[in-house]
């Protein structure tokens, strides 16, 4: 099993935009586990798309969160690294 994290926040114009996506496998062994998830954001592929997304306030984002958890199809997606999220698990 995996946990998919989607982080949203306001941009300069006050619109909610994606700040990052990430995924991590849930540990199976009992105990306290800490995982650091590298976050990424989809990027526009052309300058025209970048300008249009800036002008309209709508940046590229995934419509299906399963894309983040699966490996297939992501090798052709242009992304930019966007920080880290630390998550703690208490497995019984």
PDB file of N, CA and C in Angstrom:
ATOM      1  N   UNK A   1       0.816  -1.200   0.000  1.00  0.00           N
ATOM      2  CA  UNK A   1       0.000   0.000   0.000  1.00  0.00           C
ATOM      3  C   UNK A   1       0.865   1.271   0.000  1.00  0.00           C
ATOM      4  N   UNK A   2       0.317   2.310  -0.578  1.00  0.00           N
ATOM      5  CA  UNK A   2       1.001   3.597  -0.653  1.00  0.00           C
ATOM      6  C   UNK A   2       0.094   4.706  -0.143  1.00  0.00           C
ATOM      7  N   UNK A   3       0.707   5.779   0.290  1.00  0.00           N
ATOM      8  CA  UNK A   3      -0.010   7.010   0.618  1.00  0.00           C
ATOM      9  C   UNK A   3       0.392   8.036  -0.417  1.00  0.00           C
ATOM     10  N   UNK A   4      -0.607   8.633  -1.054  1.00  0.00           N
ATOM     11  CA  UNK A   4      -0.383   9.690  -2.037  1.00  0.00           C
ATOM     12  C   UNK A   4      -0.721  11.018  -1.368  1.00  0.00           C
ATOM     13  N   UNK A   5       0.209  11.976  -1.456  1.00  0.00           N
ATOM     14  CA  UNK A   5       0.033  13.287  -0.829  1.00  0.00           C
ATOM     15  C   UNK A   5      -0.090  14.344  -1.923  1.00  0.00           C
ATOM     16  N   UNK A   6      -1.133  15.171  -1.829  1.00  0.00           N
ATOM     17  CA  UNK A   6      -1.321  16.313  -2.716  1.00  0.00           C
ATOM     18  C   UNK A   6      -1.395  17.560  -1.847  1.00  0.00           C
ATOM     19  N   UNK A   7      -0.507  18.496  -2.076  1.00  0.00           N
ATOM     20  CA  UNK A   7      -0.452  19.716  -1.270  1.00  0.00           C
ATOM     21  C   UNK A   7      -0.911  20.884  -2.132  1.00  0.00           C
ATOM     22  N   UNK A   8      -1.868  21.652  -1.620  1.00  0.00           N
ATOM     23  CA  UNK A   8      -2.391  22.818  -2.325  1.00  0.00           C
ATOM     24  C   UNK A   8      -2.188  24.059  -1.465  1.00  0.00           C
ATOM     25  N   UNK A   9      -2.096  25.209  -2.134  1.00  0.00           N
ATOM     26  CA  UNK A   9      -1.943  26.467  -1.423  1.00  0.00           C
ATOM     27  C   UNK A   9      -2.267  27.633  -2.344  1.00  0.00           C
ATOM     28  N   UNK A  10      -2.440  28.820  -1.782  1.00  0.00           N
ATOM     29  CA  UNK A  10      -2.787  29.988  -2.607  1.00  0.00           C
ATOM     30  C   UNK A  10      -1.584  30.515  -3.390  1.00  0.00           C
ATOM     31  N   UNK A  11      -1.862  31.042  -4.583  1.00  0.00           N
ATOM     32  CA  UNK A  11      -0.815  31.691  -5.371  1.00  0.00           C
ATOM     33  C   UNK A  11      -0.910  33.201  -5.159  1.00  0.00           C
ATOM     34  N   UNK A  12      -0.217  33.963  -5.986  1.00  0.00           N
ATOM     35  CA  UNK A  12      -0.175  35.422  -5.867  1.00  0.00           C
ATOM     36  C   UNK A  12      -1.558  36.054  -6.018  1.00  0.00           C
ATOM     37  N   UNK A  13      -2.422  35.432  -6.832  1.00  0.00           N
ATOM     38  CA  UNK A  13      -3.756  35.977  -7.087  1.00  0.00           C
ATOM     39  C   UNK A  13      -4.822  35.428  -6.149  1.00  0.00           C
ATOM     40  N   UNK A  14      -4.443  34.563  -5.204  1.00  0.00           N
ATOM     41  CA  UNK A  14      -5.387  33.992  -4.260  1.00  0.00           C
ATOM     42  C   UNK A  14      -6.060  32.717  -4.723  1.00  0.00           C
ATOM     43  N   UNK A  15      -5.656  32.177  -5.871  1.00  0.00           N
ATOM     44  CA  UNK A  15      -6.218  30.917  -6.367  1.00  0.00           C
ATOM     45  C   UNK A  15      -5.530  29.742  -5.697  1.00  0.00           C
ATOM     46  N   UNK A  16      -6.299  28.685  -5.415  1.00  0.00           N
ATOM     47  CA  UNK A  16      -5.699  27.454  -4.883  1.00  0.00           C
ATOM     48  C   UNK A  16      -5.012  26.716  -6.024  1.00  0.00           C
ATOM     49  N   UNK A  17      -3.702  26.529  -5.905  1.00  0.00           N
ATOM     50  CA  UNK A  17      -2.926  25.816  -6.917  1.00  0.00           C
ATOM     51  C   UNK A  17      -2.151  24.700  -6.243  1.00  0.00           C
ATOM     52  N   UNK A  18      -1.757  23.722  -7.042  1.00  0.00           N
ATOM     53  CA  UNK A  18      -1.010  22.589  -6.503  1.00  0.00           C
ATOM     54  C   UNK A  18       0.398  23.046  -6.136  1.00  0.00           C
ATOM     55  N   UNK A  19       0.847  22.680  -4.955  1.00  0.00           N
ATOM     56  CA  UNK A  19       2.197  22.989  -4.485  1.00  0.00           C
ATOM     57  C   UNK A  19       3.111  21.787  -4.574  1.00  0.00           C
ATOM     58  N   UNK A  20       2.516  20.586  -4.675  1.00  0.00           N
ATOM     59  CA  UNK A  20       3.344  19.397  -4.811  1.00  0.00           C
ATOM     60  C   UNK A  20       2.556  18.110  -4.699  1.00  0.00           C
ATOM     61  N   UNK A  21       3.100  17.083  -5.346  1.00  0.00           N
ATOM     62  CA  UNK A  21       2.580  15.723  -5.266  1.00  0.00           C
ATOM     63  C   UNK A  21       3.705  14.818  -4.795  1.00  0.00           C
ATOM     64  N   UNK A  22       3.345  13.751  -4.097  1.00  0.00           N
ATOM     65  CA  UNK A  22       4.335  12.775  -3.675  1.00  0.00           C
ATOM     66  C   UNK A  22       3.654  11.492  -3.238  1.00  0.00           C
ATOM     67  N   UNK A  23       4.424  10.421  -3.166  1.00  0.00           N
ATOM     68  CA  UNK A  23       3.889   9.126  -2.736  1.00  0.00           C
ATOM     69  C   UNK A  23       4.971   8.378  -1.976  1.00  0.00           C
ATOM     70  N   UNK A  24       4.538   7.562  -1.015  1.00  0.00           N
ATOM     71  CA  UNK A  24       5.462   6.750  -0.230  1.00  0.00           C
ATOM     72  C   UNK A  24       4.760   5.441   0.127  1.00  0.00           C
ATOM     73  N   UNK A  25       5.543   4.363   0.203  1.00  0.00           N
ATOM     74  CA  UNK A  25       5.011   3.065   0.622  1.00  0.00           C
ATOM     75  C   UNK A  25       4.842   3.043   2.129  1.00  0.00           C
ATOM     76  N   UNK A  26       3.758   2.446   2.586  1.00  0.00           N
ATOM     77  CA  UNK A  26       3.492   2.308   4.011  1.00  0.00           C
ATOM     78  C   UNK A  26       4.306   1.138   4.544  1.00  0.00           C
ATOM     79  N   UNK A  27       5.066   1.328   5.629  1.00  0.00           N
ATOM     80  CA  UNK A  27       5.866   0.228   6.172  1.00  0.00           C
ATOM     81  C   UNK A  27       4.984  -0.863   6.800  1.00  0.00           C
ATOM     82  N   UNK A  28       5.463  -2.109   6.719  1.00  0.00           N
ATOM     83  CA  UNK A  28       4.726  -3.249   7.263  1.00  0.00           C
ATOM     84  C   UNK A  28       5.169  -3.624   8.668  1.00  0.00           C
ATOM     85  N   UNK A  29       6.402  -3.322   9.020  1.00  0.00           N
ATOM     86  CA  UNK A  29       6.931  -3.758  10.310  1.00  0.00           C
ATOM     87  C   UNK A  29       6.398  -2.882  11.434  1.00  0.00           C
ATOM     88  N   UNK A  30       6.086  -3.478  12.594  1.00  0.00           N
ATOM     89  CA  UNK A  30       5.570  -2.702  13.723  1.00  0.00           C
ATOM     90  C   UNK A  30       6.611  -1.704  14.235  1.00  0.00           C
ATOM     91  N   UNK A  31       6.111  -0.604  14.777  1.00  0.00           N
ATOM     92  CA  UNK A  31       6.977   0.418  15.347  1.00  0.00           C
ATOM     93  C   UNK A  31       6.703   1.785  14.755  1.00  0.00           C
ATOM     94  N   UNK A  32       7.539   2.737  15.139  1.00  0.00           N
ATOM     95  CA  UNK A  32       7.417   4.111  14.650  1.00  0.00           C
ATOM     96  C   UNK A  32       8.375   4.296  13.478  1.00  0.00           C
ATOM     97  N   UNK A  33       7.849   4.779  12.365  1.00  0.00           N
ATOM     98  CA  UNK A  33       8.640   4.982  11.151  1.00  0.00           C
ATOM     99  C   UNK A  33       8.450   6.416  10.668  1.00  0.00           C
ATOM    100  N   UNK A  34       9.524   7.040  10.238  1.00  0.00           N
ATOM    101  CA  UNK A  34       9.478   8.376   9.663  1.00  0.00           C
ATOM    102  C   UNK A  34       9.967   8.290   8.227  1.00  0.00           C
ATOM    103  N   UNK A  35       9.202   8.843   7.307  1.00  0.00           N
ATOM    104  CA  UNK A  35       9.555   8.852   5.894  1.00  0.00           C
ATOM    105  C   UNK A  35       9.539  10.286   5.385  1.00  0.00           C
ATOM    106  N   UNK A  36      10.486  10.608   4.528  1.00  0.00           N
ATOM    107  CA  UNK A  36      10.531  11.903   3.872  1.00  0.00           C
ATOM    108  C   UNK A  36      10.112  11.706   2.421  1.00  0.00           C
ATOM    109  N   UNK A  37       9.077  12.436   2.015  1.00  0.00           N
ATOM    110  CA  UNK A  37       8.524  12.288   0.673  1.00  0.00           C
ATOM    111  C   UNK A  37       9.012  13.445  -0.191  1.00  0.00           C
ATOM    112  N   UNK A  38       9.751  13.168  -1.264  1.00  0.00           N
ATOM    113  CA  UNK A  38      10.102  14.246  -2.196  1.00  0.00           C
ATOM    114  C   UNK A  38       8.868  14.655  -3.000  1.00  0.00           C
ATOM    115  N   UNK A  39       8.600  15.941  -3.052  1.00  0.00           N
ATOM    116  CA  UNK A  39       7.426  16.455  -3.740  1.00  0.00           C
ATOM    117  C   UNK A  39       7.814  16.986  -5.121  1.00  0.00           C
ATOM    118  N   UNK A  40       6.891  16.903  -6.059  1.00  0.00           N
ATOM    119  CA  UNK A  40       7.119  17.417  -7.412  1.00  0.00           C
ATOM    120  C   UNK A  40       5.842  18.062  -7.937  1.00  0.00           C
ATOM    121  N   UNK A  41       6.010  18.938  -8.931  1.00  0.00           N
ATOM    122  CA  UNK A  41       4.904  19.663  -9.548  1.00  0.00           C
ATOM    123  C   UNK A  41       4.987  19.488 -11.064  1.00  0.00           C
ATOM    124  N   UNK A  42       3.872  19.215 -11.750  1.00  0.00           N
ATOM    125  CA  UNK A  42       3.911  19.130 -13.211  1.00  0.00           C
ATOM    126  C   UNK A  42       4.245  20.494 -13.817  1.00  0.00           C
ATOM    127  N   UNK A  43       4.998  20.476 -14.898  1.00  0.00           N
ATOM    128  CA  UNK A  43       5.404  21.696 -15.594  1.00  0.00           C
ATOM    129  C   UNK A  43       4.744  21.771 -16.958  1.00  0.00           C
ATOM    130  N   UNK A  44       4.508  22.988 -17.447  1.00  0.00           N
ATOM    131  CA  UNK A  44       4.030  23.188 -18.818  1.00  0.00           C
ATOM    132  C   UNK A  44       5.160  22.856 -19.782  1.00  0.00           C
ATOM    133  N   UNK A  45       4.801  22.400 -20.974  1.00  0.00           N
ATOM    134  CA  UNK A  45       5.826  21.966 -21.920  1.00  0.00           C
ATOM    135  C   UNK A  45       6.301  23.072 -22.848  1.00  0.00           C
ATOM    136  N   UNK A  46       5.512  24.119 -23.033  1.00  0.00           N
ATOM    137  CA  UNK A  46       5.932  25.186 -23.940  1.00  0.00           C
ATOM    138  C   UNK A  46       5.801  26.543 -23.260  1.00  0.00           C
ATOM    139  N   UNK A  47       6.437  27.545 -23.839  1.00  0.00           N
ATOM    140  CA  UNK A  47       6.359  28.910 -23.293  1.00  0.00           C
ATOM    141  C   UNK A  47       4.942  29.463 -23.390  1.00  0.00           C
ATOM    142  N   UNK A  48       4.233  29.104 -24.464  1.00  0.00           N
ATOM    143  CA  UNK A  48       2.854  29.565 -24.625  1.00  0.00           C
ATOM    144  C   UNK A  48       1.968  28.994 -23.522  1.00  0.00           C
ATOM    145  N   UNK A  49       2.137  27.710 -23.219  1.00  0.00           N
ATOM    146  CA  UNK A  49       1.356  27.097 -22.140  1.00  0.00           C
ATOM    147  C   UNK A  49       1.718  27.713 -20.790  1.00  0.00           C
ATOM    148  N   UNK A  50       2.991  28.015 -20.564  1.00  0.00           N
ATOM    149  CA  UNK A  50       3.402  28.654 -19.311  1.00  0.00           C
ATOM    150  C   UNK A  50       2.759  30.027 -19.160  1.00  0.00           C
ATOM    151  N   UNK A  51       2.775  30.818 -20.239  1.00  0.00           N
ATOM    152  CA  UNK A  51       2.167  32.142 -20.186  1.00  0.00           C
ATOM    153  C   UNK A  51       0.661  32.046 -19.979  1.00  0.00           C
ATOM    154  N   UNK A  52       0.007  31.130 -20.696  1.00  0.00           N
ATOM    155  CA  UNK A  52      -1.442  30.964 -20.561  1.00  0.00           C
ATOM    156  C   UNK A  52      -1.816  30.528 -19.157  1.00  0.00           C
ATOM    157  N   UNK A  53      -1.063  29.604 -18.584  1.00  0.00           N
ATOM    158  CA  UNK A  53      -1.379  29.153 -17.220  1.00  0.00           C
ATOM    159  C   UNK A  53      -1.125  30.262 -16.205  1.00  0.00           C
ATOM    160  N   UNK A  54      -0.099  31.087 -16.409  1.00  0.00           N
ATOM    161  CA  UNK A  54       0.144  32.217 -15.511  1.00  0.00           C
ATOM    162  C   UNK A  54      -0.962  33.249 -15.643  1.00  0.00           C
ATOM    163  N   UNK A  55      -1.380  33.546 -16.888  1.00  0.00           N
ATOM    164  CA  UNK A  55      -2.383  34.570 -17.157  1.00  0.00           C
ATOM    165  C   UNK A  55      -3.752  34.174 -16.610  1.00  0.00           C
ATOM    166  N   UNK A  56      -4.133  32.918 -16.776  1.00  0.00           N
ATOM    167  CA  UNK A  56      -5.444  32.456 -16.313  1.00  0.00           C
ATOM    168  C   UNK A  56      -5.435  32.017 -14.853  1.00  0.00           C
ATOM    169  N   UNK A  57      -4.261  31.796 -14.281  1.00  0.00           N
ATOM    170  CA  UNK A  57      -4.181  31.342 -12.896  1.00  0.00           C
ATOM    171  C   UNK A  57      -4.398  29.853 -12.729  1.00  0.00           C
ATOM    172  N   UNK A  58      -4.464  29.111 -13.823  1.00  0.00           N
ATOM    173  CA  UNK A  58      -4.653  27.662 -13.785  1.00  0.00           C
ATOM    174  C   UNK A  58      -3.363  26.984 -14.201  1.00  0.00           C
ATOM    175  N   UNK A  59      -2.677  26.397 -13.246  1.00  0.00           N
ATOM    176  CA  UNK A  59      -1.433  25.697 -13.527  1.00  0.00           C
ATOM    177  C   UNK A  59      -1.713  24.233 -13.814  1.00  0.00           C
ATOM    178  N   UNK A  60      -0.759  23.539 -14.466  1.00  0.00           N
ATOM    179  CA  UNK A  60      -0.973  22.109 -14.758  1.00  0.00           C
ATOM    180  C   UNK A  60      -1.087  21.295 -13.469  1.00  0.00           C
ATOM    181  N   UNK A  61      -2.016  20.363 -13.442  1.00  0.00           N
ATOM    182  CA  UNK A  61      -2.144  19.453 -12.305  1.00  0.00           C
ATOM    183  C   UNK A  61      -2.725  18.140 -12.785  1.00  0.00           C
ATOM    184  N   UNK A  62      -2.525  17.097 -12.005  1.00  0.00           N
ATOM    185  CA  UNK A  62      -3.047  15.779 -12.336  1.00  0.00           C
ATOM    186  C   UNK A  62      -4.520  15.712 -11.945  1.00  0.00           C
ATOM    187  N   UNK A  63      -5.352  15.148 -12.839  1.00  0.00           N
ATOM    188  CA  UNK A  63      -6.769  14.995 -12.511  1.00  0.00           C
ATOM    189  C   UNK A  63      -7.028  13.706 -11.742  1.00  0.00           C
ATOM    190  N   UNK A  64      -6.137  12.728 -11.899  1.00  0.00           N
ATOM    191  CA  UNK A  64      -6.289  11.438 -11.232  1.00  0.00           C
ATOM    192  C   UNK A  64      -5.099  11.222 -10.301  1.00  0.00           C
ATOM    193  N   UNK A  65      -5.314  11.088  -8.994  1.00  0.00           N
ATOM    194  CA  UNK A  65      -4.182  10.905  -8.071  1.00  0.00           C
ATOM    195  C   UNK A  65      -3.445   9.581  -8.245  1.00  0.00           C
ATOM    196  N   UNK A  66      -4.036   8.628  -8.963  1.00  0.00           N
ATOM    197  CA  UNK A  66      -3.355   7.354  -9.203  1.00  0.00           C
ATOM    198  C   UNK A  66      -2.122   7.517 -10.086  1.00  0.00           C
ATOM    199  N   UNK A  67      -2.064   8.592 -10.862  1.00  0.00           N
ATOM    200  CA  UNK A  67      -0.899   8.856 -11.711  1.00  0.00           C
ATOM    201  C   UNK A  67       0.349   9.014 -10.856  1.00  0.00           C
ATOM    202  N   UNK A  68       0.201   9.600  -9.687  1.00  0.00           N
ATOM    203  CA  UNK A  68       1.333   9.821  -8.788  1.00  0.00           C
ATOM    204  C   UNK A  68       1.842   8.495  -8.235  1.00  0.00           C
ATOM    205  N   UNK A  69       0.944   7.574  -7.916  1.00  0.00           N
ATOM    206  CA  UNK A  69       1.326   6.304  -7.306  1.00  0.00           C
ATOM    207  C   UNK A  69       1.869   5.301  -8.315  1.00  0.00           C
ATOM    208  N   UNK A  70       1.474   5.424  -9.576  1.00  0.00           N
ATOM    209  CA  UNK A  70       1.910   4.471 -10.586  1.00  0.00           C
ATOM    210  C   UNK A  70       3.146   4.997 -11.299  1.00  0.00           C
ATOM    211  N   UNK A  71       3.969   4.103 -11.761  1.00  0.00           N
ATOM    212  CA  UNK A  71       5.168   4.492 -12.471  1.00  0.00           C
ATOM    213  C   UNK A  71       4.962   4.653 -13.964  1.00  0.00           C
ATOM    214  N   UNK A  72       3.979   3.942 -14.506  1.00  0.00           N
ATOM    215  CA  UNK A  72       3.793   3.965 -15.951  1.00  0.00           C
ATOM    216  C   UNK A  72       3.186   5.293 -16.415  1.00  0.00           C
ATOM    217  N   UNK A  73       3.752   5.805 -17.484  1.00  0.00           N
ATOM    218  CA  UNK A  73       3.274   7.060 -18.042  1.00  0.00           C
ATOM    219  C   UNK A  73       3.926   8.299 -17.460  1.00  0.00           C
ATOM    220  N   UNK A  74       4.596   8.155 -16.322  1.00  0.00           N
ATOM    221  CA  UNK A  74       5.208   9.327 -15.697  1.00  0.00           C
ATOM    222  C   UNK A  74       6.552   9.689 -16.309  1.00  0.00           C
ATOM    223  N   UNK A  75       7.148   8.771 -17.073  1.00  0.00           N
ATOM    224  CA  UNK A  75       8.465   9.076 -17.642  1.00  0.00           C
ATOM    225  C   UNK A  75       8.380  10.144 -18.722  1.00  0.00           C
ATOM    226  N   UNK A  76       7.204  10.389 -19.278  1.00  0.00           N
ATOM    227  CA  UNK A  76       7.041  11.420 -20.300  1.00  0.00           C
ATOM    228  C   UNK A  76       6.468  12.716 -19.728  1.00  0.00           C
ATOM    229  N   UNK A  77       6.194  12.735 -18.438  1.00  0.00           N
ATOM    230  CA  UNK A  77       5.645  13.925 -17.793  1.00  0.00           C
ATOM    231  C   UNK A  77       6.774  14.808 -17.300  1.00  0.00           C
ATOM    232  N   UNK A  78       6.740  16.073 -17.664  1.00  0.00           N
ATOM    233  CA  UNK A  78       7.754  17.028 -17.213  1.00  0.00           C
ATOM    234  C   UNK A  78       7.361  17.545 -15.831  1.00  0.00           C
ATOM    235  N   UNK A  79       8.249  17.367 -14.858  1.00  0.00           N
ATOM    236  CA  UNK A  79       7.980  17.799 -13.485  1.00  0.00           C
ATOM    237  C   UNK A  79       9.162  18.597 -12.948  1.00  0.00           C
ATOM    238  N   UNK A  80       8.880  19.338 -11.871  1.00  0.00           N
ATOM    239  CA  UNK A  80       9.907  20.124 -11.187  1.00  0.00           C
ATOM    240  C   UNK A  80       9.864  19.757  -9.705  1.00  0.00           C
ATOM    241  N   UNK A  81      11.018  19.594  -9.097  1.00  0.00           N
ATOM    242  CA  UNK A  81      11.102  19.274  -7.672  1.00  0.00           C
ATOM    243  C   UNK A  81      10.589  20.456  -6.859  1.00  0.00           C
ATOM    244  N   UNK A  82       9.848  20.160  -5.782  1.00  0.00           N
ATOM    245  CA  UNK A  82       9.205  21.228  -5.024  1.00  0.00           C
ATOM    246  C   UNK A  82       9.275  20.971  -3.523  1.00  0.00           C
ATOM    247  N   UNK A  83      10.395  20.524  -3.011  1.00  0.00           N
ATOM    248  CA  UNK A  83      10.557  20.368  -1.575  1.00  0.00           C
ATOM    249  C   UNK A  83      10.247  18.971  -1.071  1.00  0.00           C
ATOM    250  N   UNK A  84      10.026  18.880   0.245  1.00  0.00           N
ATOM    251  CA  UNK A  84       9.826  17.600   0.914  1.00  0.00           C
ATOM    252  C   UNK A  84       8.712  17.707   1.942  1.00  0.00           C
ATOM    253  N   UNK A  85       8.078  16.558   2.220  1.00  0.00           N
ATOM    254  CA  UNK A  85       7.107  16.435   3.304  1.00  0.00           C
ATOM    255  C   UNK A  85       7.555  15.265   4.158  1.00  0.00           C
ATOM    256  N   UNK A  86       7.598  15.433   5.468  1.00  0.00           N
ATOM    257  CA  UNK A  86       7.970  14.359   6.383  1.00  0.00           C
ATOM    258  C   UNK A  86       6.705  13.823   7.028  1.00  0.00           C
ATOM    259  N   UNK A  87       6.560  12.504   7.013  1.00  0.00           N
ATOM    260  CA  UNK A  87       5.365  11.848   7.566  1.00  0.00           C
ATOM    261  C   UNK A  87       5.818  10.777   8.560  1.00  0.00           C
ATOM    262  N   UNK A  88       5.042  10.612   9.615  1.00  0.00           N
ATOM    263  CA  UNK A  88       5.353   9.647  10.669  1.00  0.00           C
ATOM    264  C   UNK A  88       4.284   8.570  10.711  1.00  0.00           C
ATOM    265  N   UNK A  89       4.680   7.297  10.786  1.00  0.00           N
ATOM    266  CA  UNK A  89       3.762   6.170  10.891  1.00  0.00           C
ATOM    267  C   UNK A  89       3.961   5.494  12.237  1.00  0.00           C
ATOM    268  N   UNK A  90       2.849   5.128  12.878  1.00  0.00           N
ATOM    269  CA  UNK A  90       2.879   4.266  14.042  1.00  0.00           C
ATOM    270  C   UNK A  90       2.167   2.982  13.658  1.00  0.00           C
ATOM    271  N   UNK A  91       2.933   1.937  13.336  1.00  0.00           N
ATOM    272  CA  UNK A  91       2.373   0.676  12.871  1.00  0.00           C
ATOM    273  C   UNK A  91       2.275  -0.285  14.037  1.00  0.00           C
ATOM    274  N   UNK A  92       1.110  -0.911  14.185  1.00  0.00           N
ATOM    275  CA  UNK A  92       0.879  -1.864  15.269  1.00  0.00           C
ATOM    276  C   UNK A  92       0.972  -3.267  14.723  1.00  0.00           C
TER     277      UNK A  92
END
